[in-house]
Amino acid sequence: MSTARVPFVCGNWKLHHGVAATRAQITELVAGLGALGGAVDVAVAPVATCLSVAVDAAQGRLPIAAQNVHFAEKGAFTGEWSVAHLAELGVRYVIVGHSERRAMFGDDDAAVAKKTRAALDGGLLPIACVGETLAEREGGATKAVVGKQVEAILAVVKPDEAVRLTLAYEPVWAIGTGKNATPEQAQDVHAFIRGLLHKHLGEKAAVVRVQYGGSVKPDNAAQLMAQPDVDGALVGGASLEAKSLLAIAAACRR
């Protein structure tokens, strides 16, 4: 992990935790942040209906992320919400292009690029996700797939916006399966992504944090985060309990 980049851990709660549980978990997270000594940035992404409660419970001490957003400012898009809606609630980050959004809801590279651009234009910080399936990895297509996804995102990001961008490499085969990429496998893809960042953003590439996401847990986080191009984690199931997410964050400290 580069000393130039502060590690960043974001919990993605997916379709878990209602209002009461959201308030309780965030209150516990806020209480535990002091032990990190500011050495790690932490955020959480609750269910959309709990975002307002989350922002209130965080008391300005824990950034709140949304799990998705639409790229349009407004219009006939039933069931969607815009960057402006999230910003109005006090949301700071937004996850775009998560593998579940890509696989289940049709978010292709073009849509992910539009959402990234909308987030930047609207003052939010995008966490843009990329990753390959098991079939793609076994077929030797990991870098072709991930490269195409990263290129689509970077095509809409200006060099002076680099510090506002986070990328998250999430091998689809390691999400919710209990499997995870070895530290060496993660570093290989992260180094490849870093090369693409330099290609598009020049020296500004050094400030972009690239998280790893895929069955990250307290007991494997330190090994993953010790890799030079792994700058934190996008955590699913292991983020649902504050104690577990704080342990992962602690493991990310240099």
Protein backbone atom coordinates (compact mmCIF):
# COMPACT_ATOMS: atom_id res chain seq x y z
CA MET A 1 0.00 0.00 0.00
CA SER A 2 1.45 3.34 -1.03
CA THR A 3 2.32 5.73 1.77
CA ALA A 4 0.89 8.49 -0.44
CA ARG A 5 -2.64 7.13 -0.15
CA VAL A 6 -4.71 6.87 3.03
CA PRO A 7 -6.38 3.44 3.14
CA PHE A 8 -10.14 3.55 2.54
CA VAL A 9 -12.61 0.94 3.77
CA CYS A 10 -16.28 1.11 2.77
CA GLY A 11 -18.95 -1.24 4.06
CA ASN A 12 -21.63 -2.15 1.52
CA TRP A 13 -24.67 -3.31 3.46
CA LYS A 14 -26.60 -4.29 0.34
CA LEU A 15 -30.18 -5.31 1.26
CA HIS A 16 -29.57 -5.55 5.01
CA HIS A 17 -30.43 -3.48 8.08
CA GLY A 18 -33.58 -1.43 8.56
CA VAL A 19 -33.87 1.91 10.33
CA ALA A 20 -33.22 0.72 13.89
CA ALA A 21 -30.31 -1.55 12.97
CA THR A 22 -28.79 1.15 10.76
CA ARG A 23 -28.87 3.66 13.58
CA ALA A 24 -27.42 1.18 16.07
CA GLN A 25 -24.57 0.00 13.83
CA ILE A 26 -23.55 3.49 12.78
CA THR A 27 -23.61 4.71 16.38
CA GLU A 28 -21.25 1.87 17.26
CA LEU A 29 -19.02 2.61 14.28
CA VAL A 30 -18.74 6.29 15.19
CA ALA A 31 -17.80 5.35 18.75
CA GLY A 32 -15.01 3.11 17.48
CA LEU A 33 -13.44 5.43 14.91
CA GLY A 34 -11.18 7.13 17.43
CA ALA A 35 -9.16 3.94 17.88
CA LEU A 36 -8.09 4.17 14.23
CA GLY A 37 -6.32 7.45 14.91
CA GLY A 38 -7.32 8.89 11.55
CA ALA A 39 -5.05 6.39 9.78
CA VAL A 40 -7.88 4.86 7.75
CA ASP A 41 -10.88 6.43 6.03
CA VAL A 42 -14.14 4.56 6.70
CA ALA A 43 -17.59 4.87 5.10
CA VAL A 44 -20.74 2.75 4.97
CA ALA A 45 -23.45 2.30 2.35
CA PRO A 46 -26.85 1.50 3.90
CA VAL A 47 -30.12 0.68 2.16
CA ALA A 48 -31.45 3.74 0.29
CA THR A 49 -34.45 4.13 2.61
CA CYS A 50 -32.08 4.44 5.59
CA LEU A 51 -29.70 7.03 4.16
CA SER A 52 -31.23 9.96 6.01
CA VAL A 53 -31.17 8.07 9.32
CA ALA A 54 -27.57 7.06 8.62
CA VAL A 55 -26.43 10.62 7.96
CA ASP A 56 -28.12 11.77 11.17
CA ALA A 57 -26.59 8.98 13.26
CA ALA A 58 -23.12 9.60 11.80
CA GLN A 59 -23.09 13.15 13.19
CA GLY A 60 -20.67 14.27 10.50
CA ARG A 61 -17.99 11.86 11.73
CA LEU A 62 -18.61 8.95 9.36
CA PRO A 63 -19.19 9.54 5.63
CA ILE A 64 -22.27 7.83 4.25
CA ALA A 65 -22.36 6.23 0.81
CA ALA A 66 -25.23 5.26 -1.46
CA GLN A 67 -25.22 1.89 -3.20
CA ASN A 68 -26.41 3.23 -6.55
CA VAL A 69 -27.60 6.34 -8.38
CA HIS A 70 -29.15 7.28 -11.72
CA PHE A 71 -27.15 9.41 -14.12
CA ALA A 72 -30.03 11.73 -15.04
CA GLU A 73 -30.75 14.86 -13.02
CA LYS A 74 -34.52 14.27 -13.21
CA GLY A 75 -37.15 12.79 -15.47
CA ALA A 76 -39.45 9.82 -16.02
CA PHE A 77 -37.31 7.21 -14.25
CA THR A 78 -39.65 5.46 -11.83
CA GLY A 79 -37.88 3.96 -8.84
CA GLU A 80 -34.63 5.85 -9.36
CA TRP A 81 -32.90 8.78 -7.61
CA SER A 82 -30.35 11.34 -8.69
CA VAL A 83 -27.04 12.65 -7.44
CA ALA A 84 -28.86 15.79 -6.32
CA HIS A 85 -31.23 13.74 -4.16
CA LEU A 86 -28.30 12.04 -2.47
CA ALA A 87 -26.37 15.25 -1.97
CA GLU A 88 -29.43 16.87 -0.41
CA LEU A 89 -29.47 14.12 2.23
CA GLY A 90 -25.82 14.66 3.06
CA VAL A 91 -24.52 11.54 1.32
CA ARG A 92 -20.81 11.78 0.45
CA TYR A 93 -19.93 8.70 -1.63
CA VAL A 94 -21.80 6.61 -4.18
CA ILE A 95 -20.99 3.09 -5.36
CA VAL A 96 -21.39 2.66 -9.12
CA GLY A 97 -21.04 -0.45 -11.25
CA HIS A 98 -21.10 -3.02 -8.45
CA SER A 99 -21.03 -6.52 -9.94
CA GLU A 100 -24.56 -7.19 -8.70
CA ARG A 101 -25.79 -4.07 -10.48
CA ARG A 102 -23.97 -5.14 -13.63
CA ALA A 103 -25.25 -8.73 -13.52
CA MET A 104 -28.79 -8.26 -12.20
CA PHE A 105 -29.85 -4.79 -13.29
CA GLY A 106 -28.12 -4.25 -16.63
CA ASP A 107 -25.55 -1.65 -15.63
CA ASP A 108 -23.13 -1.88 -18.54
CA ASP A 109 -19.86 0.01 -19.00
CA ALA A 110 -21.61 2.96 -20.64
CA ALA A 111 -24.09 3.34 -17.76
CA VAL A 112 -21.32 3.04 -15.16
CA ALA A 113 -19.36 5.77 -16.95
CA LYS A 114 -22.42 8.03 -17.00
CA LYS A 115 -23.03 7.45 -13.30
CA THR A 116 -19.39 8.19 -12.51
CA ARG A 117 -19.59 11.43 -14.47
CA ALA A 118 -22.88 12.41 -12.83
CA ALA A 119 -21.43 11.81 -9.37
CA LEU A 120 -18.40 13.99 -10.11
CA ASP A 121 -20.54 16.74 -11.63
CA GLY A 122 -22.87 16.69 -8.63
CA GLY A 123 -20.18 16.84 -5.96
CA LEU A 124 -20.28 13.21 -4.82
CA LEU A 125 -17.29 10.87 -4.67
CA PRO A 126 -17.73 7.78 -6.87
CA ILE A 127 -16.54 4.32 -5.89
CA ALA A 128 -16.47 2.72 -9.34
CA CYS A 129 -16.39 -1.09 -9.38
CA VAL A 130 -14.75 -3.44 -11.86
CA GLY A 131 -14.16 -7.18 -11.89
CA GLU A 132 -14.30 -10.46 -13.78
CA THR A 133 -16.41 -13.61 -13.44
CA LEU A 134 -14.97 -17.03 -12.70
CA ALA A 135 -15.43 -18.09 -16.34
CA GLU A 136 -13.56 -15.00 -17.50
CA ARG A 137 -10.70 -15.63 -15.08
CA GLU A 138 -10.44 -19.30 -16.01
CA GLY A 139 -10.49 -18.27 -19.67
CA GLY A 140 -7.52 -15.97 -19.17
CA ALA A 141 -9.61 -12.86 -19.84
CA THR A 142 -9.24 -11.09 -16.48
CA LYS A 143 -7.15 -8.18 -17.73
CA ALA A 144 -9.11 -7.81 -20.96
CA VAL A 145 -12.40 -7.59 -19.03
CA VAL A 146 -11.13 -5.41 -16.20
CA GLY A 147 -9.19 -3.22 -18.62
CA LYS A 148 -12.30 -2.53 -20.71
CA GLN A 149 -14.29 -1.63 -17.60
CA VAL A 150 -11.58 0.66 -16.22
CA GLU A 151 -11.02 2.37 -19.57
CA ALA A 152 -14.74 3.21 -19.81
CA ILE A 153 -14.65 4.85 -16.39
CA LEU A 154 -11.40 6.76 -16.92
CA ALA A 155 -12.62 8.08 -20.26
CA VAL A 156 -14.96 10.42 -18.35
CA VAL A 157 -12.57 11.43 -15.53
CA LYS A 158 -10.31 14.47 -15.87
CA PRO A 159 -6.82 14.39 -14.32
CA ASP A 160 -7.69 17.13 -11.84
CA GLU A 161 -10.61 14.99 -10.61
CA ALA A 162 -8.41 11.98 -9.82
CA VAL A 163 -8.30 12.66 -6.09
CA ARG A 164 -12.10 12.34 -5.97
CA LEU A 165 -12.20 8.90 -7.61
CA THR A 166 -11.99 5.50 -5.94
CA LEU A 167 -11.86 2.30 -7.97
CA ALA A 168 -12.83 -1.05 -6.45
CA TYR A 169 -11.58 -4.32 -7.93
CA GLU A 170 -14.06 -7.02 -7.01
CA PRO A 171 -13.49 -10.42 -8.61
CA VAL A 172 -17.08 -11.58 -9.04
CA TRP A 173 -16.11 -15.16 -8.21
CA ALA A 174 -15.00 -14.05 -4.74
CA ILE A 175 -18.09 -12.10 -3.70
CA GLY A 176 -20.23 -13.84 -1.10
CA THR A 177 -18.59 -17.19 -1.90
CA GLY A 178 -16.13 -17.35 0.96
CA LYS A 179 -13.35 -17.41 -1.62
CA ASN A 180 -11.02 -14.51 -2.08
CA ALA A 181 -8.18 -13.70 -4.41
CA THR A 182 -4.78 -14.44 -2.94
CA PRO A 183 -2.79 -11.33 -2.02
CA GLU A 184 -0.64 -11.98 -5.08
CA GLN A 185 -3.66 -12.29 -7.39
CA ALA A 186 -5.14 -9.07 -6.00
CA GLN A 187 -1.84 -7.21 -6.37
CA ASP A 188 -1.44 -8.40 -9.97
CA VAL A 189 -4.78 -6.91 -11.02
CA HIS A 190 -4.36 -3.79 -8.88
CA ALA A 191 -0.95 -3.13 -10.45
CA PHE A 192 -2.54 -3.54 -13.88
CA ILE A 193 -5.24 -1.02 -12.92
CA ARG A 194 -2.57 1.36 -11.62
CA GLY A 195 -0.92 1.21 -15.03
CA LEU A 196 -4.18 2.19 -16.73
CA LEU A 197 -4.56 5.06 -14.26
CA HIS A 198 -1.11 6.36 -15.22
CA LYS A 199 -1.99 6.05 -18.89
CA HIS A 200 -5.09 8.22 -18.52
CA LEU A 201 -4.26 10.49 -15.60
CA GLY A 202 -0.48 10.80 -15.64
CA GLU A 203 1.09 11.71 -12.31
CA LYS A 204 -2.39 12.24 -10.81
CA ALA A 205 -2.84 8.44 -10.92
CA ALA A 206 -0.84 8.18 -7.71
CA VAL A 207 -3.68 9.66 -5.64
CA VAL A 208 -6.44 7.29 -6.83
CA ARG A 209 -7.26 4.65 -4.26
CA VAL A 210 -7.99 1.14 -5.55
CA GLN A 211 -9.93 -0.98 -3.07
CA TYR A 212 -10.16 -4.77 -3.11
CA GLY A 213 -13.61 -6.30 -2.68
CA GLY A 214 -14.32 -10.01 -2.43
CA SER A 215 -14.94 -11.87 0.85
CA VAL A 216 -12.71 -9.53 2.86
CA LYS A 217 -12.77 -10.43 6.55
CA PRO A 218 -10.84 -9.38 9.66
CA ASP A 219 -8.62 -12.45 9.39
CA ASN A 220 -7.50 -11.93 5.79
CA ALA A 221 -7.54 -8.14 5.49
CA ALA A 222 -3.99 -7.47 6.68
CA GLN A 223 -2.40 -9.75 4.08
CA LEU A 224 -4.42 -8.21 1.28
CA MET A 225 -3.76 -4.65 2.43
CA ALA A 226 -0.01 -5.26 2.68
CA GLN A 227 0.16 -5.29 -1.12
CA PRO A 228 1.59 -2.06 -2.58
CA ASP A 229 -1.35 -1.28 -4.87
CA VAL A 230 -4.20 -2.37 -2.56
CA ASP A 231 -5.50 0.77 -0.86
CA GLY A 232 -8.36 -0.52 1.23
CA ALA A 233 -11.46 -2.65 0.86
CA LEU A 234 -15.06 -2.61 -0.30
CA VAL A 235 -16.60 -4.99 2.22
CA GLY A 236 -19.93 -6.83 1.97
CA GLY A 237 -21.09 -9.35 4.54
CA ALA A 238 -18.27 -8.71 6.99
CA SER A 239 -19.31 -5.05 7.25
CA LEU A 240 -22.77 -5.74 8.68
CA GLU A 241 -21.47 -5.70 12.25
CA ALA A 242 -19.59 -2.59 13.37
CA LYS A 243 -17.03 -4.60 15.32
CA SER A 244 -16.09 -6.58 12.20
CA LEU A 245 -15.81 -3.53 9.94
CA LEU A 246 -13.68 -1.71 12.51
CA ALA A 247 -11.39 -4.75 12.75
CA ILE A 248 -10.93 -4.74 8.99
CA ALA A 249 -10.19 -1.02 9.06
CA ALA A 250 -7.64 -1.56 11.82
CA ALA A 251 -5.94 -4.22 9.68
CA CYS A 252 -5.56 -1.66 6.90
CA ARG A 253 -3.40 0.67 8.94
CA ARG A 254 0.17 0.98 7.67
